[in-house]
């Protein structure tokens, strides 16, 4: 059921200009799927859909391939906008962000697939990024700083 619904979502966004989750939910309902806003939101996250600005200035959902340069640039931009500082604490990198940006920065870290990151927990302005060792934590700190400074 979930796989069918997510396949339908991909089909819908390829064939339609979908700007809002509500529009996507309505299209799914038209196609015979019973969905809630939470289900649509979860599917969007799992499918790694993102809003992309079109030539006319409007935004719509699209799937970005990990090989697509836009894919990484969007996450780099989030890191640059949200990152404030970071400090290693054993095998955990404590990352400070602009207030309200921790979840977005954590999502960017997860999506960019830094090999050092085992997982992230995000609050409002703080992220705990777990690594396998203190050495990997220091490596992650360096990579993160290099990313936001360049």
C-alpha atoms as a PDB file:
ATOM      1  CA  UNK A   1       0.000   0.000   0.000  1.00  0.00           C
ATOM      2  CA  UNK A   2       2.728   2.466   1.015  1.00  0.00           C
ATOM      3  CA  UNK A   3       4.889   1.601  -1.992  1.00  0.00           C
ATOM      4  CA  UNK A   4       1.893   1.998  -4.316  1.00  0.00           C
ATOM      5  CA  UNK A   5       0.973   5.342  -2.761  1.00  0.00           C
ATOM      6  CA  UNK A   6       4.540   6.632  -3.018  1.00  0.00           C
ATOM      7  CA  UNK A   7       4.764   5.492  -6.638  1.00  0.00           C
ATOM      8  CA  UNK A   8       1.534   7.407  -7.283  1.00  0.00           C
ATOM      9  CA  UNK A   9       3.019  10.496  -5.619  1.00  0.00           C
ATOM     10  CA  UNK A  10       5.999  10.368  -7.965  1.00  0.00           C
ATOM     11  CA  UNK A  11       3.650  10.010 -10.904  1.00  0.00           C
ATOM     12  CA  UNK A  12       1.509  12.937  -9.733  1.00  0.00           C
ATOM     13  CA  UNK A  13       4.442  15.330  -9.315  1.00  0.00           C
ATOM     14  CA  UNK A  14       5.817  14.370 -12.725  1.00  0.00           C
ATOM     15  CA  UNK A  15       2.482  15.105 -14.417  1.00  0.00           C
ATOM     16  CA  UNK A  16       1.319  18.114 -12.369  1.00  0.00           C
ATOM     17  CA  UNK A  17       2.648  21.349 -10.935  1.00  0.00           C
ATOM     18  CA  UNK A  18       2.179  20.632  -7.209  1.00  0.00           C
ATOM     19  CA  UNK A  19       3.009  23.561  -4.944  1.00  0.00           C
ATOM     20  CA  UNK A  20       1.451  22.466  -1.629  1.00  0.00           C
ATOM     21  CA  UNK A  21       0.986  19.314   0.371  1.00  0.00           C
ATOM     22  CA  UNK A  22      -2.761  19.945   0.344  1.00  0.00           C
ATOM     23  CA  UNK A  23      -2.760  19.800  -3.465  1.00  0.00           C
ATOM     24  CA  UNK A  24      -0.879  16.516  -3.384  1.00  0.00           C
ATOM     25  CA  UNK A  25      -3.295  15.091  -0.796  1.00  0.00           C
ATOM     26  CA  UNK A  26      -6.248  16.113  -2.989  1.00  0.00           C
ATOM     27  CA  UNK A  27      -4.717  14.407  -6.061  1.00  0.00           C
ATOM     28  CA  UNK A  28      -4.104  11.252  -4.024  1.00  0.00           C
ATOM     29  CA  UNK A  29      -7.718  11.294  -2.805  1.00  0.00           C
ATOM     30  CA  UNK A  30      -8.911  11.696  -6.411  1.00  0.00           C
ATOM     31  CA  UNK A  31      -6.823   8.640  -7.274  1.00  0.00           C
ATOM     32  CA  UNK A  32      -8.523   6.609  -4.529  1.00  0.00           C
ATOM     33  CA  UNK A  33      -5.952   6.835  -1.738  1.00  0.00           C
ATOM     34  CA  UNK A  34      -7.119   7.740   1.765  1.00  0.00           C
ATOM     35  CA  UNK A  35      -4.399   9.966   3.210  1.00  0.00           C
ATOM     36  CA  UNK A  36      -3.901  12.371   6.072  1.00  0.00           C
ATOM     37  CA  UNK A  37      -1.690  15.446   6.082  1.00  0.00           C
ATOM     38  CA  UNK A  38       0.773  13.556   8.306  1.00  0.00           C
ATOM     39  CA  UNK A  39       0.964  10.671   5.807  1.00  0.00           C
ATOM     40  CA  UNK A  40       1.636  13.025   2.898  1.00  0.00           C
ATOM     41  CA  UNK A  41       4.275  14.892   4.906  1.00  0.00           C
ATOM     42  CA  UNK A  42       6.014  11.627   5.847  1.00  0.00           C
ATOM     43  CA  UNK A  43       5.919  10.408   2.228  1.00  0.00           C
ATOM     44  CA  UNK A  44       7.441  13.686   1.020  1.00  0.00           C
ATOM     45  CA  UNK A  45      10.267  13.292   3.520  1.00  0.00           C
ATOM     46  CA  UNK A  46      10.869   9.603   2.719  1.00  0.00           C
ATOM     47  CA  UNK A  47      10.853  10.249  -1.040  1.00  0.00           C
ATOM     48  CA  UNK A  48      13.199  13.201  -0.513  1.00  0.00           C
ATOM     49  CA  UNK A  49      10.992  15.543  -2.463  1.00  0.00           C
ATOM     50  CA  UNK A  50      11.956  19.171  -2.433  1.00  0.00           C
ATOM     51  CA  UNK A  51      10.434  22.371  -3.718  1.00  0.00           C
ATOM     52  CA  UNK A  52      12.244  23.805  -6.706  1.00  0.00           C
ATOM     53  CA  UNK A  53      11.697  27.309  -8.062  1.00  0.00           C
ATOM     54  CA  UNK A  54      10.519  27.262 -11.660  1.00  0.00           C
ATOM     55  CA  UNK A  55      11.326  29.824 -14.366  1.00  0.00           C
ATOM     56  CA  UNK A  56       8.029  31.618 -13.638  1.00  0.00           C
ATOM     57  CA  UNK A  57       8.998  32.021  -9.953  1.00  0.00           C
ATOM     58  CA  UNK A  58       6.511  29.461  -8.674  1.00  0.00           C
ATOM     59  CA  UNK A  59       7.697  26.483  -6.666  1.00  0.00           C
ATOM     60  CA  UNK A  60       6.743  22.864  -7.128  1.00  0.00           C
ATOM     61  CA  UNK A  61       7.737  19.513  -5.697  1.00  0.00           C
ATOM     62  CA  UNK A  62      10.415  17.540  -7.518  1.00  0.00           C
ATOM     63  CA  UNK A  63      12.626  14.570  -6.862  1.00  0.00           C
ATOM     64  CA  UNK A  64      16.257  15.544  -6.887  1.00  0.00           C
ATOM     65  CA  UNK A  65      18.742  12.852  -7.729  1.00  0.00           C
ATOM     66  CA  UNK A  66      21.755  12.575  -5.422  1.00  0.00           C
ATOM     67  CA  UNK A  67      23.820  13.175  -8.563  1.00  0.00           C
ATOM     68  CA  UNK A  68      21.963  16.427  -9.293  1.00  0.00           C
ATOM     69  CA  UNK A  69      24.127  19.442  -8.342  1.00  0.00           C
ATOM     70  CA  UNK A  70      20.988  21.190  -7.030  1.00  0.00           C
ATOM     71  CA  UNK A  71      20.598  18.361  -4.514  1.00  0.00           C
ATOM     72  CA  UNK A  72      23.809  19.128  -2.674  1.00  0.00           C
ATOM     73  CA  UNK A  73      23.746  22.882  -3.181  1.00  0.00           C
ATOM     74  CA  UNK A  74      20.379  23.196  -1.395  1.00  0.00           C
ATOM     75  CA  UNK A  75      21.768  21.381   1.643  1.00  0.00           C
ATOM     76  CA  UNK A  76      25.005  23.360   1.578  1.00  0.00           C
ATOM     77  CA  UNK A  77      22.920  26.546   1.585  1.00  0.00           C
ATOM     78  CA  UNK A  78      20.951  25.295   4.606  1.00  0.00           C
ATOM     79  CA  UNK A  79      24.204  24.523   6.427  1.00  0.00           C
ATOM     80  CA  UNK A  80      25.620  27.953   5.635  1.00  0.00           C
ATOM     81  CA  UNK A  81      22.439  29.762   6.700  1.00  0.00           C
ATOM     82  CA  UNK A  82      21.780  27.785   9.864  1.00  0.00           C
ATOM     83  CA  UNK A  83      25.200  26.857  11.271  1.00  0.00           C
ATOM     84  CA  UNK A  84      26.536  28.931  14.127  1.00  0.00           C
ATOM     85  CA  UNK A  85      29.255  26.855  15.814  1.00  0.00           C
ATOM     86  CA  UNK A  86      30.236  23.316  16.779  1.00  0.00           C
ATOM     87  CA  UNK A  87      32.182  21.638  19.549  1.00  0.00           C
ATOM     88  CA  UNK A  88      33.229  18.014  19.950  1.00  0.00           C
ATOM     89  CA  UNK A  89      32.198  16.170  23.109  1.00  0.00           C
ATOM     90  CA  UNK A  90      33.737  12.711  22.869  1.00  0.00           C
ATOM     91  CA  UNK A  91      32.087  11.013  19.932  1.00  0.00           C
ATOM     92  CA  UNK A  92      29.271  13.582  19.720  1.00  0.00           C
ATOM     93  CA  UNK A  93      29.528  16.817  17.784  1.00  0.00           C
ATOM     94  CA  UNK A  94      27.389  19.468  19.472  1.00  0.00           C
ATOM     95  CA  UNK A  95      26.284  21.836  16.737  1.00  0.00           C
ATOM     96  CA  UNK A  96      24.723  25.226  17.494  1.00  0.00           C
ATOM     97  CA  UNK A  97      22.427  26.778  14.926  1.00  0.00           C
ATOM     98  CA  UNK A  98      20.365  29.878  14.406  1.00  0.00           C
ATOM     99  CA  UNK A  99      17.207  29.567  16.527  1.00  0.00           C
ATOM    100  CA  UNK A 100      14.679  27.366  14.752  1.00  0.00           C
ATOM    101  CA  UNK A 101      17.159  25.957  12.220  1.00  0.00           C
ATOM    102  CA  UNK A 102      18.434  22.843  14.018  1.00  0.00           C
ATOM    103  CA  UNK A 103      16.006  20.438  12.345  1.00  0.00           C
ATOM    104  CA  UNK A 104      16.821  21.791   8.875  1.00  0.00           C
ATOM    105  CA  UNK A 105      20.575  21.618   9.488  1.00  0.00           C
ATOM    106  CA  UNK A 106      20.272  18.075  10.884  1.00  0.00           C
ATOM    107  CA  UNK A 107      18.274  17.039   7.818  1.00  0.00           C
ATOM    108  CA  UNK A 108      20.975  18.529   5.589  1.00  0.00           C
ATOM    109  CA  UNK A 109      23.679  16.611   7.495  1.00  0.00           C
ATOM    110  CA  UNK A 110      21.723  13.365   7.160  1.00  0.00           C
ATOM    111  CA  UNK A 111      20.921  13.955   3.493  1.00  0.00           C
ATOM    112  CA  UNK A 112      24.473  14.836   2.524  1.00  0.00           C
ATOM    113  CA  UNK A 113      25.494  11.472   3.942  1.00  0.00           C
ATOM    114  CA  UNK A 114      28.609  12.501   5.829  1.00  0.00           C
ATOM    115  CA  UNK A 115      30.175   9.099   6.457  1.00  0.00           C
ATOM    116  CA  UNK A 116      31.108  10.067  10.011  1.00  0.00           C
ATOM    117  CA  UNK A 117      27.504  10.698  11.088  1.00  0.00           C
ATOM    118  CA  UNK A 118      25.743   7.748  12.700  1.00  0.00           C
ATOM    119  CA  UNK A 119      22.664   9.841  13.485  1.00  0.00           C
ATOM    120  CA  UNK A 120      21.431  13.249  14.587  1.00  0.00           C
ATOM    121  CA  UNK A 121      19.079  14.528  17.260  1.00  0.00           C
ATOM    122  CA  UNK A 122      17.880  18.100  16.773  1.00  0.00           C
ATOM    123  CA  UNK A 123      16.229  20.541  19.131  1.00  0.00           C
ATOM    124  CA  UNK A 124      15.470  24.173  18.372  1.00  0.00           C
ATOM    125  CA  UNK A 125      19.016  25.507  18.089  1.00  0.00           C
ATOM    126  CA  UNK A 126      21.192  22.521  19.006  1.00  0.00           C
ATOM    127  CA  UNK A 127      22.062  19.256  17.255  1.00  0.00           C
ATOM    128  CA  UNK A 128      23.797  16.201  18.679  1.00  0.00           C
ATOM    129  CA  UNK A 129      25.511  14.436  15.778  1.00  0.00           C
ATOM    130  CA  UNK A 130      26.752  11.029  16.925  1.00  0.00           C
ATOM    131  CA  UNK A 131      29.897   9.564  15.381  1.00  0.00           C
ATOM    132  CA  UNK A 132      31.649   6.242  15.998  1.00  0.00           C
ATOM    133  CA  UNK A 133      34.694   7.757  17.703  1.00  0.00           C
ATOM    134  CA  UNK A 134      36.257  10.973  18.966  1.00  0.00           C
ATOM    135  CA  UNK A 135      38.534  10.937  15.907  1.00  0.00           C
ATOM    136  CA  UNK A 136      35.541  10.782  13.530  1.00  0.00           C
ATOM    137  CA  UNK A 137      33.951  13.585  15.539  1.00  0.00           C
ATOM    138  CA  UNK A 138      36.977  15.830  14.914  1.00  0.00           C
ATOM    139  CA  UNK A 139      36.951  14.853  11.221  1.00  0.00           C
ATOM    140  CA  UNK A 140      33.248  15.733  10.987  1.00  0.00           C
ATOM    141  CA  UNK A 141      33.896  19.088  12.659  1.00  0.00           C
ATOM    142  CA  UNK A 142      36.602  19.889  10.091  1.00  0.00           C
ATOM    143  CA  UNK A 143      34.422  18.795   7.148  1.00  0.00           C
ATOM    144  CA  UNK A 144      31.467  20.796   8.449  1.00  0.00           C
ATOM    145  CA  UNK A 145      33.567  23.927   8.968  1.00  0.00           C
ATOM    146  CA  UNK A 146      35.104  23.565   5.512  1.00  0.00           C
ATOM    147  CA  UNK A 147      31.634  23.231   3.984  1.00  0.00           C
ATOM    148  CA  UNK A 148      30.182  26.340   5.605  1.00  0.00           C
ATOM    149  CA  UNK A 149      33.305  28.474   5.066  1.00  0.00           C
ATOM    150  CA  UNK A 150      33.682  27.791   1.320  1.00  0.00           C
END
